[in-house]
């Protein structure tokens, strides 16, 4: 018998796999597929590429990282939405924003709540995940200039961003991929 990892409960396509969703089962060696996973560490934190039934042995092709998703709907986290926003070369840092980057979104225009008569510039969303740059959903896709970016936000934030894009201008501030721990390690 060989120990492999199986779903402890039904797992929906797109769900992030956690420890509690998994169990170890013993399978006759002759029935173990080469793609079967025996270490839960190789599964936790990945996303289900298909619906999995309780008790189903988990194979490598049942999992994906968000970066490897083949279409945009597979990349959207549960309860979030994708919204496409206009952005020319200046707003998108000369088309240097890539899928999976993190950005802050800045609005310039009339006050969104009507409280100020003058034009305002304000951060409307922080640490937003970029799902696509134009039609590119993976950084490995061929580069093409784009005039939109698609980001992942909660539904109420999507509505706010759509309103802001209609009332004024949105600019995008690209965040560093280095964490504060990386900066501290470099002595900064």
N, C-alpha and C. Protein backbone atom coordinates (compact mmCIF):
# COMPACT_ATOMS: atom_id res chain seq x y z
N UNK A 1 0.85 -1.18 0.00
CA UNK A 1 0.00 0.00 0.00
C UNK A 1 0.89 1.24 0.00
N UNK A 2 0.38 2.28 -0.66
CA UNK A 2 1.11 3.53 -0.70
C UNK A 2 0.18 4.65 -0.22
N UNK A 3 0.72 5.58 0.57
CA UNK A 3 -0.05 6.73 1.06
C UNK A 3 -0.04 7.83 0.01
N UNK A 4 -1.24 8.32 -0.33
CA UNK A 4 -1.40 9.44 -1.25
C UNK A 4 -2.41 10.42 -0.66
N UNK A 5 -2.49 11.60 -1.23
CA UNK A 5 -3.39 12.63 -0.73
C UNK A 5 -4.69 12.61 -1.53
N UNK A 6 -5.80 12.71 -0.78
CA UNK A 6 -7.13 12.74 -1.40
C UNK A 6 -7.91 13.91 -0.80
N UNK A 7 -9.00 14.25 -1.46
CA UNK A 7 -9.88 15.31 -0.96
C UNK A 7 -10.66 14.78 0.24
N UNK A 8 -10.62 15.49 1.36
CA UNK A 8 -11.37 15.09 2.55
C UNK A 8 -12.83 15.51 2.45
N UNK A 9 -13.11 16.41 1.54
CA UNK A 9 -14.45 16.96 1.32
C UNK A 9 -14.52 17.38 -0.14
N UNK A 10 -15.70 17.66 -0.67
CA UNK A 10 -15.76 18.15 -2.05
C UNK A 10 -15.00 19.48 -2.16
N UNK A 11 -14.23 19.63 -3.23
CA UNK A 11 -13.47 20.85 -3.48
C UNK A 11 -13.93 21.40 -4.82
N UNK A 12 -14.40 22.63 -4.81
CA UNK A 12 -14.90 23.27 -6.03
C UNK A 12 -13.75 23.79 -6.88
N UNK A 13 -13.94 23.75 -8.19
CA UNK A 13 -12.96 24.32 -9.13
C UNK A 13 -12.70 25.77 -8.73
N UNK A 14 -11.42 26.13 -8.68
CA UNK A 14 -11.03 27.50 -8.35
C UNK A 14 -10.80 27.74 -6.87
N UNK A 15 -11.19 26.78 -6.01
CA UNK A 15 -11.01 26.96 -4.57
C UNK A 15 -9.53 26.83 -4.19
N UNK A 16 -9.10 27.66 -3.25
CA UNK A 16 -7.74 27.54 -2.72
C UNK A 16 -7.72 26.36 -1.75
N UNK A 17 -6.79 25.45 -1.96
CA UNK A 17 -6.72 24.22 -1.17
C UNK A 17 -6.04 24.49 0.18
N UNK A 18 -6.70 24.03 1.25
CA UNK A 18 -6.17 24.17 2.60
C UNK A 18 -5.94 22.77 3.20
N UNK A 19 -5.21 22.74 4.30
CA UNK A 19 -4.93 21.47 5.00
C UNK A 19 -6.20 20.70 5.34
N UNK A 20 -7.23 21.42 5.81
CA UNK A 20 -8.45 20.74 6.27
C UNK A 20 -9.23 20.09 5.13
N UNK A 21 -8.93 20.45 3.89
CA UNK A 21 -9.60 19.86 2.73
C UNK A 21 -8.97 18.53 2.32
N UNK A 22 -7.85 18.16 2.96
CA UNK A 22 -7.07 17.02 2.52
C UNK A 22 -7.04 15.91 3.56
N UNK A 23 -6.83 14.70 3.06
CA UNK A 23 -6.60 13.56 3.95
C UNK A 23 -5.64 12.60 3.25
N UNK A 24 -4.97 11.80 4.04
CA UNK A 24 -4.09 10.78 3.50
C UNK A 24 -4.85 9.47 3.41
N UNK A 25 -4.73 8.82 2.26
CA UNK A 25 -5.39 7.52 2.07
C UNK A 25 -4.34 6.51 1.59
N UNK A 26 -4.59 5.24 1.87
CA UNK A 26 -3.69 4.17 1.41
C UNK A 26 -4.33 3.50 0.19
N UNK A 27 -3.50 3.36 -0.85
CA UNK A 27 -3.96 2.80 -2.11
C UNK A 27 -2.99 1.67 -2.49
N UNK A 28 -3.49 0.56 -3.05
CA UNK A 28 -2.57 -0.47 -3.51
C UNK A 28 -1.57 0.12 -4.51
N UNK A 29 -0.31 -0.21 -4.35
CA UNK A 29 0.75 0.35 -5.17
C UNK A 29 0.44 0.22 -6.66
N UNK A 30 -0.11 -0.91 -7.07
CA UNK A 30 -0.40 -1.13 -8.50
C UNK A 30 -1.47 -0.17 -9.03
N UNK A 31 -2.27 0.45 -8.13
CA UNK A 31 -3.34 1.37 -8.55
C UNK A 31 -2.95 2.84 -8.44
N UNK A 32 -1.73 3.13 -7.98
CA UNK A 32 -1.31 4.52 -7.80
C UNK A 32 -0.84 5.09 -9.14
N UNK A 33 -1.47 6.15 -9.56
CA UNK A 33 -1.07 6.83 -10.80
C UNK A 33 0.21 7.63 -10.55
N UNK A 34 1.06 7.78 -11.57
CA UNK A 34 2.31 8.52 -11.38
C UNK A 34 2.08 9.98 -10.97
N UNK A 35 0.93 10.55 -11.34
CA UNK A 35 0.64 11.96 -11.02
C UNK A 35 0.07 12.13 -9.61
N UNK A 36 -0.16 11.04 -8.89
CA UNK A 36 -0.69 11.13 -7.53
C UNK A 36 0.31 11.83 -6.63
N UNK A 37 -0.20 12.60 -5.69
CA UNK A 37 0.65 13.39 -4.79
C UNK A 37 0.66 12.73 -3.42
N UNK A 38 1.85 12.60 -2.85
CA UNK A 38 1.96 11.96 -1.54
C UNK A 38 2.32 12.93 -0.42
N UNK A 39 2.66 14.16 -0.78
CA UNK A 39 3.02 15.16 0.23
C UNK A 39 2.04 16.33 0.17
N UNK A 40 1.28 16.59 1.24
CA UNK A 40 0.31 17.69 1.21
C UNK A 40 0.95 19.07 1.00
N UNK A 41 2.23 19.21 1.31
CA UNK A 41 2.91 20.50 1.12
C UNK A 41 2.90 20.92 -0.35
N UNK A 42 2.83 19.96 -1.25
CA UNK A 42 2.78 20.27 -2.68
C UNK A 42 1.40 20.67 -3.16
N UNK A 43 0.44 20.66 -2.26
CA UNK A 43 -0.95 20.94 -2.63
C UNK A 43 -1.47 22.21 -1.96
N UNK A 44 -1.20 22.35 -0.68
CA UNK A 44 -1.74 23.47 0.10
C UNK A 44 -1.32 24.80 -0.52
N UNK A 45 -2.31 25.68 -0.71
CA UNK A 45 -2.06 27.00 -1.29
C UNK A 45 -2.27 27.06 -2.79
N UNK A 46 -2.40 25.90 -3.43
CA UNK A 46 -2.70 25.89 -4.86
C UNK A 46 -4.22 25.93 -5.03
N UNK A 47 -4.67 25.97 -6.26
CA UNK A 47 -6.09 26.10 -6.56
C UNK A 47 -6.56 24.89 -7.37
N UNK A 48 -7.77 24.46 -7.09
CA UNK A 48 -8.34 23.32 -7.81
C UNK A 48 -8.61 23.70 -9.26
N UNK A 49 -8.09 22.91 -10.19
CA UNK A 49 -8.30 23.15 -11.61
C UNK A 49 -9.59 22.50 -12.09
N UNK A 50 -10.21 21.70 -11.23
CA UNK A 50 -11.46 21.01 -11.55
C UNK A 50 -12.19 20.73 -10.24
N UNK A 51 -13.48 20.43 -10.32
CA UNK A 51 -14.21 19.99 -9.14
C UNK A 51 -13.66 18.64 -8.70
N UNK A 52 -13.45 18.48 -7.40
CA UNK A 52 -12.95 17.21 -6.86
C UNK A 52 -13.96 16.66 -5.86
N UNK A 53 -14.25 15.38 -5.96
CA UNK A 53 -15.20 14.73 -5.04
C UNK A 53 -14.47 14.33 -3.77
N UNK A 54 -15.22 14.26 -2.68
CA UNK A 54 -14.65 13.77 -1.42
C UNK A 54 -14.10 12.36 -1.65
N UNK A 55 -12.88 12.12 -1.19
CA UNK A 55 -12.25 10.82 -1.36
C UNK A 55 -11.45 10.67 -2.63
N UNK A 56 -11.59 11.61 -3.57
CA UNK A 56 -10.87 11.51 -4.84
C UNK A 56 -9.38 11.77 -4.62
N UNK A 57 -8.54 10.89 -5.15
CA UNK A 57 -7.09 11.07 -5.06
C UNK A 57 -6.71 12.28 -5.90
N UNK A 58 -5.87 13.13 -5.33
CA UNK A 58 -5.49 14.37 -6.01
C UNK A 58 -4.26 14.13 -6.88
N UNK A 59 -4.40 14.52 -8.13
CA UNK A 59 -3.31 14.39 -9.12
C UNK A 59 -2.74 15.77 -9.43
N UNK A 60 -1.52 15.80 -9.96
CA UNK A 60 -0.88 17.07 -10.31
C UNK A 60 -1.77 17.93 -11.22
N UNK A 61 -2.43 17.31 -12.20
CA UNK A 61 -3.24 18.08 -13.14
C UNK A 61 -4.55 18.59 -12.54
N UNK A 62 -4.85 18.22 -11.30
CA UNK A 62 -6.02 18.75 -10.59
C UNK A 62 -5.73 20.11 -9.97
N UNK A 63 -4.47 20.55 -10.01
CA UNK A 63 -4.06 21.77 -9.30
C UNK A 63 -3.44 22.78 -10.25
N UNK A 64 -3.52 24.03 -9.83
CA UNK A 64 -2.87 25.10 -10.58
C UNK A 64 -2.56 26.24 -9.63
N UNK A 65 -1.61 27.06 -10.04
CA UNK A 65 -1.39 28.32 -9.34
C UNK A 65 -2.19 29.35 -10.09
N UNK A 66 -2.49 30.46 -9.48
CA UNK A 66 -3.27 31.49 -10.18
C UNK A 66 -2.54 32.01 -11.40
N UNK A 67 -1.21 32.06 -11.33
CA UNK A 67 -0.43 32.57 -12.46
C UNK A 67 -0.56 31.67 -13.68
N UNK A 68 -0.86 30.37 -13.48
CA UNK A 68 -0.95 29.43 -14.58
C UNK A 68 -2.37 29.28 -15.11
N UNK A 69 -3.31 30.00 -14.56
CA UNK A 69 -4.70 29.89 -15.00
C UNK A 69 -4.78 30.18 -16.50
N UNK A 70 -5.61 29.40 -17.19
CA UNK A 70 -5.71 29.52 -18.64
C UNK A 70 -6.73 30.56 -19.08
N UNK A 71 -7.67 30.93 -18.22
CA UNK A 71 -8.60 31.99 -18.59
C UNK A 71 -8.87 32.85 -17.36
N UNK A 72 -9.41 34.00 -17.60
CA UNK A 72 -9.54 34.99 -16.53
C UNK A 72 -10.46 34.53 -15.41
N UNK A 73 -11.51 33.79 -15.73
CA UNK A 73 -12.43 33.37 -14.67
C UNK A 73 -11.76 32.43 -13.68
N UNK A 74 -10.75 31.68 -14.12
CA UNK A 74 -10.02 30.79 -13.21
C UNK A 74 -9.12 31.57 -12.25
N UNK A 75 -8.79 32.80 -12.61
CA UNK A 75 -7.87 33.60 -11.79
C UNK A 75 -8.59 34.36 -10.67
N UNK A 76 -9.88 34.56 -10.82
CA UNK A 76 -10.62 35.38 -9.86
C UNK A 76 -10.87 34.59 -8.58
N UNK A 77 -10.47 35.16 -7.46
CA UNK A 77 -10.69 34.51 -6.17
C UNK A 77 -12.18 34.50 -5.85
N UNK A 78 -12.59 33.51 -5.06
CA UNK A 78 -14.00 33.38 -4.68
C UNK A 78 -14.53 34.68 -4.07
N UNK A 79 -15.72 35.09 -4.46
CA UNK A 79 -16.42 36.29 -4.01
C UNK A 79 -15.85 37.60 -4.53
N UNK A 80 -14.85 37.55 -5.40
CA UNK A 80 -14.30 38.76 -5.99
C UNK A 80 -14.82 38.91 -7.41
N UNK A 81 -14.49 40.04 -8.01
CA UNK A 81 -14.91 40.35 -9.38
C UNK A 81 -13.72 40.86 -10.16
N UNK A 82 -13.80 40.72 -11.48
CA UNK A 82 -12.82 41.32 -12.37
C UNK A 82 -13.47 42.55 -13.00
N UNK A 83 -12.74 43.64 -13.04
CA UNK A 83 -13.24 44.85 -13.69
C UNK A 83 -12.13 45.40 -14.58
N UNK A 84 -12.50 45.76 -15.80
CA UNK A 84 -11.54 46.32 -16.75
C UNK A 84 -11.63 47.82 -16.72
N UNK A 85 -10.45 48.44 -16.62
CA UNK A 85 -10.35 49.89 -16.50
C UNK A 85 -9.54 50.46 -17.66
N UNK A 86 -9.92 51.67 -18.12
CA UNK A 86 -9.14 52.28 -19.20
C UNK A 86 -7.80 52.75 -18.67
N UNK A 87 -6.81 52.68 -19.52
CA UNK A 87 -5.49 53.17 -19.14
C UNK A 87 -4.59 53.26 -20.35
N UNK A 88 -4.19 54.47 -20.68
CA UNK A 88 -3.26 54.67 -21.79
C UNK A 88 -1.83 54.44 -21.33
N UNK A 89 -0.89 54.80 -22.18
CA UNK A 89 0.52 54.55 -21.86
C UNK A 89 0.97 55.27 -20.60
N UNK A 90 0.51 56.48 -20.39
CA UNK A 90 0.95 57.23 -19.20
C UNK A 90 0.35 56.60 -17.95
N UNK A 91 -0.92 56.32 -17.96
CA UNK A 91 -1.59 55.75 -16.78
C UNK A 91 -1.06 54.37 -16.42
N UNK A 92 -0.60 53.60 -17.41
CA UNK A 92 -0.13 52.24 -17.17
C UNK A 92 1.39 52.14 -17.14
N UNK A 93 2.05 53.24 -16.84
CA UNK A 93 3.52 53.25 -16.75
C UNK A 93 4.15 52.76 -18.05
N UNK A 94 3.73 53.33 -19.16
CA UNK A 94 4.25 52.98 -20.49
C UNK A 94 4.07 51.49 -20.78
N UNK A 95 2.92 50.95 -20.39
CA UNK A 95 2.59 49.54 -20.62
C UNK A 95 3.54 48.57 -19.90
N UNK A 96 4.09 49.00 -18.77
CA UNK A 96 4.98 48.12 -18.01
C UNK A 96 4.26 47.33 -16.92
N UNK A 97 2.98 47.60 -16.68
CA UNK A 97 2.22 46.82 -15.71
C UNK A 97 1.93 45.46 -16.31
N UNK A 98 2.19 44.41 -15.53
CA UNK A 98 2.06 43.03 -16.00
C UNK A 98 0.99 42.29 -15.19
N UNK A 99 0.43 41.21 -15.76
CA UNK A 99 -0.45 40.36 -14.96
C UNK A 99 0.25 39.89 -13.69
N UNK A 100 -0.48 39.85 -12.60
CA UNK A 100 -0.03 39.46 -11.25
C UNK A 100 0.75 40.55 -10.52
N UNK A 101 0.95 41.73 -11.16
CA UNK A 101 1.51 42.86 -10.42
C UNK A 101 0.49 43.35 -9.42
N UNK A 102 0.94 44.11 -8.46
CA UNK A 102 0.07 44.78 -7.49
C UNK A 102 0.18 46.27 -7.73
N UNK A 103 -0.98 46.95 -7.72
CA UNK A 103 -1.01 48.38 -7.99
C UNK A 103 -1.91 49.09 -6.99
N UNK A 104 -1.69 50.41 -6.88
CA UNK A 104 -2.63 51.30 -6.21
C UNK A 104 -3.32 52.07 -7.34
N UNK A 105 -4.58 52.38 -7.15
CA UNK A 105 -5.35 53.11 -8.17
C UNK A 105 -5.67 54.50 -7.64
N UNK A 106 -5.28 55.52 -8.41
CA UNK A 106 -5.46 56.91 -8.02
C UNK A 106 -6.48 57.56 -8.96
N UNK A 107 -7.41 58.27 -8.36
CA UNK A 107 -8.47 58.97 -9.11
C UNK A 107 -8.21 60.47 -9.09
N UNK A 108 -8.38 61.12 -10.24
CA UNK A 108 -8.34 62.58 -10.33
C UNK A 108 -9.60 63.03 -11.06
N UNK A 109 -10.35 63.94 -10.42
CA UNK A 109 -11.58 64.43 -11.01
C UNK A 109 -12.44 65.07 -9.94
N UNK A 110 -13.71 65.32 -10.25
CA UNK A 110 -14.61 65.88 -9.24
C UNK A 110 -14.75 64.90 -8.08
N UNK A 111 -15.01 65.42 -6.91
CA UNK A 111 -15.17 64.57 -5.72
C UNK A 111 -16.21 63.49 -5.99
N UNK A 112 -15.86 62.25 -5.67
CA UNK A 112 -16.76 61.12 -5.91
C UNK A 112 -17.99 61.15 -5.02
N UNK A 113 -17.87 61.77 -3.84
CA UNK A 113 -19.02 61.84 -2.94
C UNK A 113 -19.73 63.19 -2.99
N UNK A 114 -19.26 64.08 -3.88
CA UNK A 114 -19.89 65.39 -4.05
C UNK A 114 -19.57 66.38 -2.95
N UNK A 115 -18.63 66.05 -2.05
CA UNK A 115 -18.36 66.92 -0.91
C UNK A 115 -17.46 68.11 -1.25
N UNK A 116 -16.66 68.01 -2.28
CA UNK A 116 -15.75 69.11 -2.62
C UNK A 116 -16.07 69.61 -4.02
N UNK A 117 -16.03 70.93 -4.17
CA UNK A 117 -16.33 71.54 -5.46
C UNK A 117 -15.12 71.47 -6.39
N UNK A 118 -13.92 71.49 -5.82
CA UNK A 118 -12.70 71.49 -6.62
C UNK A 118 -12.32 70.07 -7.03
N UNK A 119 -11.46 69.99 -8.02
CA UNK A 119 -10.94 68.70 -8.45
C UNK A 119 -10.09 68.09 -7.34
N UNK A 120 -10.19 66.77 -7.19
CA UNK A 120 -9.43 66.07 -6.16
C UNK A 120 -8.56 64.98 -6.80
N UNK A 121 -7.50 64.64 -6.12
CA UNK A 121 -6.68 63.48 -6.48
C UNK A 121 -6.56 62.65 -5.23
N UNK A 122 -6.97 61.38 -5.32
CA UNK A 122 -6.99 60.53 -4.14
C UNK A 122 -6.78 59.06 -4.51
N UNK A 123 -6.22 58.30 -3.61
CA UNK A 123 -6.09 56.86 -3.80
C UNK A 123 -7.47 56.24 -3.53
N UNK A 124 -7.99 55.52 -4.52
CA UNK A 124 -9.31 54.89 -4.34
C UNK A 124 -9.21 53.41 -4.03
N UNK A 125 -8.11 52.76 -4.37
CA UNK A 125 -7.89 51.35 -4.05
C UNK A 125 -6.39 51.13 -3.87
N UNK A 126 -6.04 50.30 -2.90
CA UNK A 126 -4.64 49.98 -2.65
C UNK A 126 -4.41 48.48 -2.77
N UNK A 127 -3.20 48.14 -3.17
CA UNK A 127 -2.77 46.74 -3.23
C UNK A 127 -3.72 45.88 -4.05
N UNK A 128 -4.03 46.32 -5.24
CA UNK A 128 -4.97 45.65 -6.13
C UNK A 128 -4.20 44.71 -7.06
N UNK A 129 -4.71 43.51 -7.19
CA UNK A 129 -4.07 42.51 -8.06
C UNK A 129 -4.48 42.71 -9.51
N UNK A 130 -3.50 42.76 -10.40
CA UNK A 130 -3.75 42.89 -11.84
C UNK A 130 -3.97 41.49 -12.41
N UNK A 131 -5.12 41.28 -13.02
CA UNK A 131 -5.42 39.99 -13.65
C UNK A 131 -4.94 39.95 -15.09
N UNK A 132 -5.06 41.09 -15.79
CA UNK A 132 -4.69 41.12 -17.20
C UNK A 132 -4.24 42.52 -17.60
N UNK A 133 -3.33 42.55 -18.55
CA UNK A 133 -2.88 43.79 -19.18
C UNK A 133 -3.32 43.68 -20.64
N UNK A 134 -4.34 44.46 -21.02
CA UNK A 134 -4.96 44.23 -22.32
C UNK A 134 -5.59 42.84 -22.27
N UNK A 135 -5.25 41.99 -23.24
CA UNK A 135 -5.77 40.61 -23.25
C UNK A 135 -4.78 39.61 -22.66
N UNK A 136 -3.62 40.07 -22.22
CA UNK A 136 -2.61 39.18 -21.65
C UNK A 136 -2.98 38.82 -20.21
N UNK A 137 -3.18 37.52 -19.94
CA UNK A 137 -3.47 37.11 -18.56
C UNK A 137 -2.28 36.41 -17.91
N UNK A 138 -1.25 36.14 -18.71
CA UNK A 138 -0.03 35.52 -18.17
C UNK A 138 1.16 36.34 -18.65
N UNK A 139 2.19 36.45 -17.83
CA UNK A 139 3.38 37.20 -18.24
C UNK A 139 4.11 36.50 -19.37
N UNK A 140 3.82 35.23 -19.58
CA UNK A 140 4.48 34.49 -20.66
C UNK A 140 3.79 34.71 -22.01
N UNK A 141 2.61 35.32 -22.01
CA UNK A 141 1.94 35.63 -23.27
C UNK A 141 2.75 36.67 -24.03
N UNK A 142 2.68 36.65 -25.35
CA UNK A 142 3.42 37.62 -26.17
C UNK A 142 2.99 39.05 -25.80
N UNK A 143 3.98 39.94 -25.71
CA UNK A 143 3.68 41.32 -25.35
C UNK A 143 2.94 42.02 -26.48
N UNK A 144 1.98 42.82 -26.12
CA UNK A 144 1.28 43.69 -27.06
C UNK A 144 0.91 44.95 -26.29
N UNK A 145 0.96 46.09 -26.98
CA UNK A 145 0.54 47.33 -26.31
C UNK A 145 -0.92 47.19 -25.91
N UNK A 146 -1.30 47.88 -24.85
CA UNK A 146 -2.67 47.77 -24.36
C UNK A 146 -3.16 49.13 -23.86
N UNK A 147 -4.47 49.25 -23.79
CA UNK A 147 -5.06 50.49 -23.27
C UNK A 147 -6.09 50.21 -22.18
N UNK A 148 -6.06 48.99 -21.65
CA UNK A 148 -6.91 48.62 -20.51
C UNK A 148 -6.12 47.68 -19.60
N UNK A 149 -6.51 47.69 -18.33
CA UNK A 149 -6.03 46.65 -17.42
C UNK A 149 -7.24 46.09 -16.69
N UNK A 150 -7.18 44.83 -16.36
CA UNK A 150 -8.26 44.18 -15.63
C UNK A 150 -7.73 43.83 -14.26
N UNK A 151 -8.47 44.25 -13.23
CA UNK A 151 -8.04 44.05 -11.86
C UNK A 151 -9.08 43.24 -11.09
N UNK A 152 -8.65 42.66 -9.97
CA UNK A 152 -9.53 41.86 -9.12
C UNK A 152 -9.86 42.65 -7.86
N UNK A 153 -11.16 42.85 -7.63
CA UNK A 153 -11.63 43.59 -6.46
C UNK A 153 -12.93 43.00 -5.96
N UNK A 154 -13.39 43.46 -4.79
CA UNK A 154 -14.71 43.08 -4.31
C UNK A 154 -15.76 43.78 -5.16
N UNK A 155 -16.98 43.25 -5.18
CA UNK A 155 -18.02 43.80 -6.05
C UNK A 155 -18.26 45.28 -5.79
N UNK A 156 -18.39 45.67 -4.52
CA UNK A 156 -18.68 47.09 -4.22
C UNK A 156 -17.54 47.98 -4.70
N UNK A 157 -16.30 47.47 -4.66
CA UNK A 157 -15.17 48.26 -5.14
C UNK A 157 -15.16 48.35 -6.66
N UNK A 158 -15.64 47.31 -7.34
CA UNK A 158 -15.73 47.34 -8.80
C UNK A 158 -16.66 48.46 -9.24
N UNK A 159 -17.79 48.58 -8.56
CA UNK A 159 -18.76 49.63 -8.89
C UNK A 159 -18.13 51.01 -8.67
N UNK A 160 -17.42 51.17 -7.57
CA UNK A 160 -16.75 52.43 -7.27
C UNK A 160 -15.71 52.78 -8.35
N UNK A 161 -14.95 51.80 -8.79
CA UNK A 161 -13.93 52.03 -9.82
C UNK A 161 -14.55 52.38 -11.17
N UNK A 162 -15.65 51.71 -11.51
CA UNK A 162 -16.33 52.03 -12.77
C UNK A 162 -16.83 53.47 -12.73
N UNK A 163 -17.44 53.86 -11.63
CA UNK A 163 -17.92 55.24 -11.49
C UNK A 163 -16.76 56.23 -11.59
N UNK A 164 -15.67 55.94 -10.91
CA UNK A 164 -14.50 56.83 -10.95
C UNK A 164 -13.95 56.95 -12.36
N UNK A 165 -13.91 55.84 -13.10
CA UNK A 165 -13.37 55.89 -14.47
C UNK A 165 -14.24 56.71 -15.40
N UNK A 166 -15.54 56.79 -15.10
CA UNK A 166 -16.47 57.58 -15.92
C UNK A 166 -16.42 59.07 -15.55
N UNK A 167 -16.11 59.38 -14.30
CA UNK A 167 -16.14 60.76 -13.82
C UNK A 167 -14.81 61.49 -13.99
N UNK A 168 -13.71 60.75 -14.03
CA UNK A 168 -12.40 61.40 -14.08
C UNK A 168 -11.36 60.49 -14.70
N UNK A 169 -10.13 60.64 -14.24
CA UNK A 169 -9.01 59.87 -14.76
C UNK A 169 -8.46 58.94 -13.68
N UNK A 170 -8.12 57.73 -14.08
CA UNK A 170 -7.47 56.79 -13.16
C UNK A 170 -6.01 56.63 -13.57
N UNK A 171 -5.13 56.67 -12.60
CA UNK A 171 -3.72 56.37 -12.81
C UNK A 171 -3.37 55.19 -11.92
N UNK A 172 -2.35 54.47 -12.31
CA UNK A 172 -1.96 53.26 -11.60
C UNK A 172 -0.54 53.39 -11.08
N UNK A 173 -0.36 53.09 -9.80
CA UNK A 173 0.95 53.14 -9.17
C UNK A 173 1.40 51.71 -8.95
N UNK A 174 2.50 51.34 -9.56
CA UNK A 174 3.02 49.98 -9.47
C UNK A 174 3.74 49.77 -8.15
N UNK A 175 3.41 48.68 -7.46
CA UNK A 175 4.06 48.35 -6.19
C UNK A 175 5.28 47.47 -6.44
N UNK A 176 6.23 47.57 -5.55
CA UNK A 176 7.43 46.74 -5.60
C UNK A 176 7.07 45.29 -5.29
N UNK A 177 7.77 44.37 -5.90
CA UNK A 177 7.59 42.95 -5.57
C UNK A 177 8.39 42.59 -4.32
N UNK A 178 9.24 43.50 -3.86
CA UNK A 178 10.05 43.26 -2.66
C UNK A 178 9.23 43.62 -1.43
N UNK A 179 9.25 42.75 -0.44
CA UNK A 179 8.53 43.00 0.81
C UNK A 179 9.40 43.83 1.73
N UNK A 180 8.82 44.30 2.81
CA UNK A 180 9.60 45.08 3.78
C UNK A 180 10.72 44.23 4.36
N UNK A 181 10.52 42.90 4.46
CA UNK A 181 11.58 42.02 4.95
C UNK A 181 12.74 42.00 3.97
N UNK A 182 12.44 42.03 2.65
CA UNK A 182 13.51 42.07 1.65
C UNK A 182 14.33 43.34 1.81
N UNK A 183 13.63 44.46 2.01
CA UNK A 183 14.30 45.75 2.16
C UNK A 183 15.18 45.75 3.41
N UNK A 184 14.66 45.22 4.52
CA UNK A 184 15.43 45.18 5.76
C UNK A 184 16.67 44.31 5.59
N UNK A 185 16.53 43.21 4.85
CA UNK A 185 17.66 42.31 4.65
C UNK A 185 18.77 42.98 3.85
N UNK A 186 18.39 43.92 2.98
CA UNK A 186 19.38 44.63 2.18
C UNK A 186 19.99 45.80 2.93
N UNK A 187 19.54 46.03 4.16
CA UNK A 187 20.11 47.11 4.98
C UNK A 187 19.52 48.48 4.71
N UNK A 188 18.39 48.54 4.06
CA UNK A 188 17.76 49.84 3.77
C UNK A 188 16.88 50.28 4.90
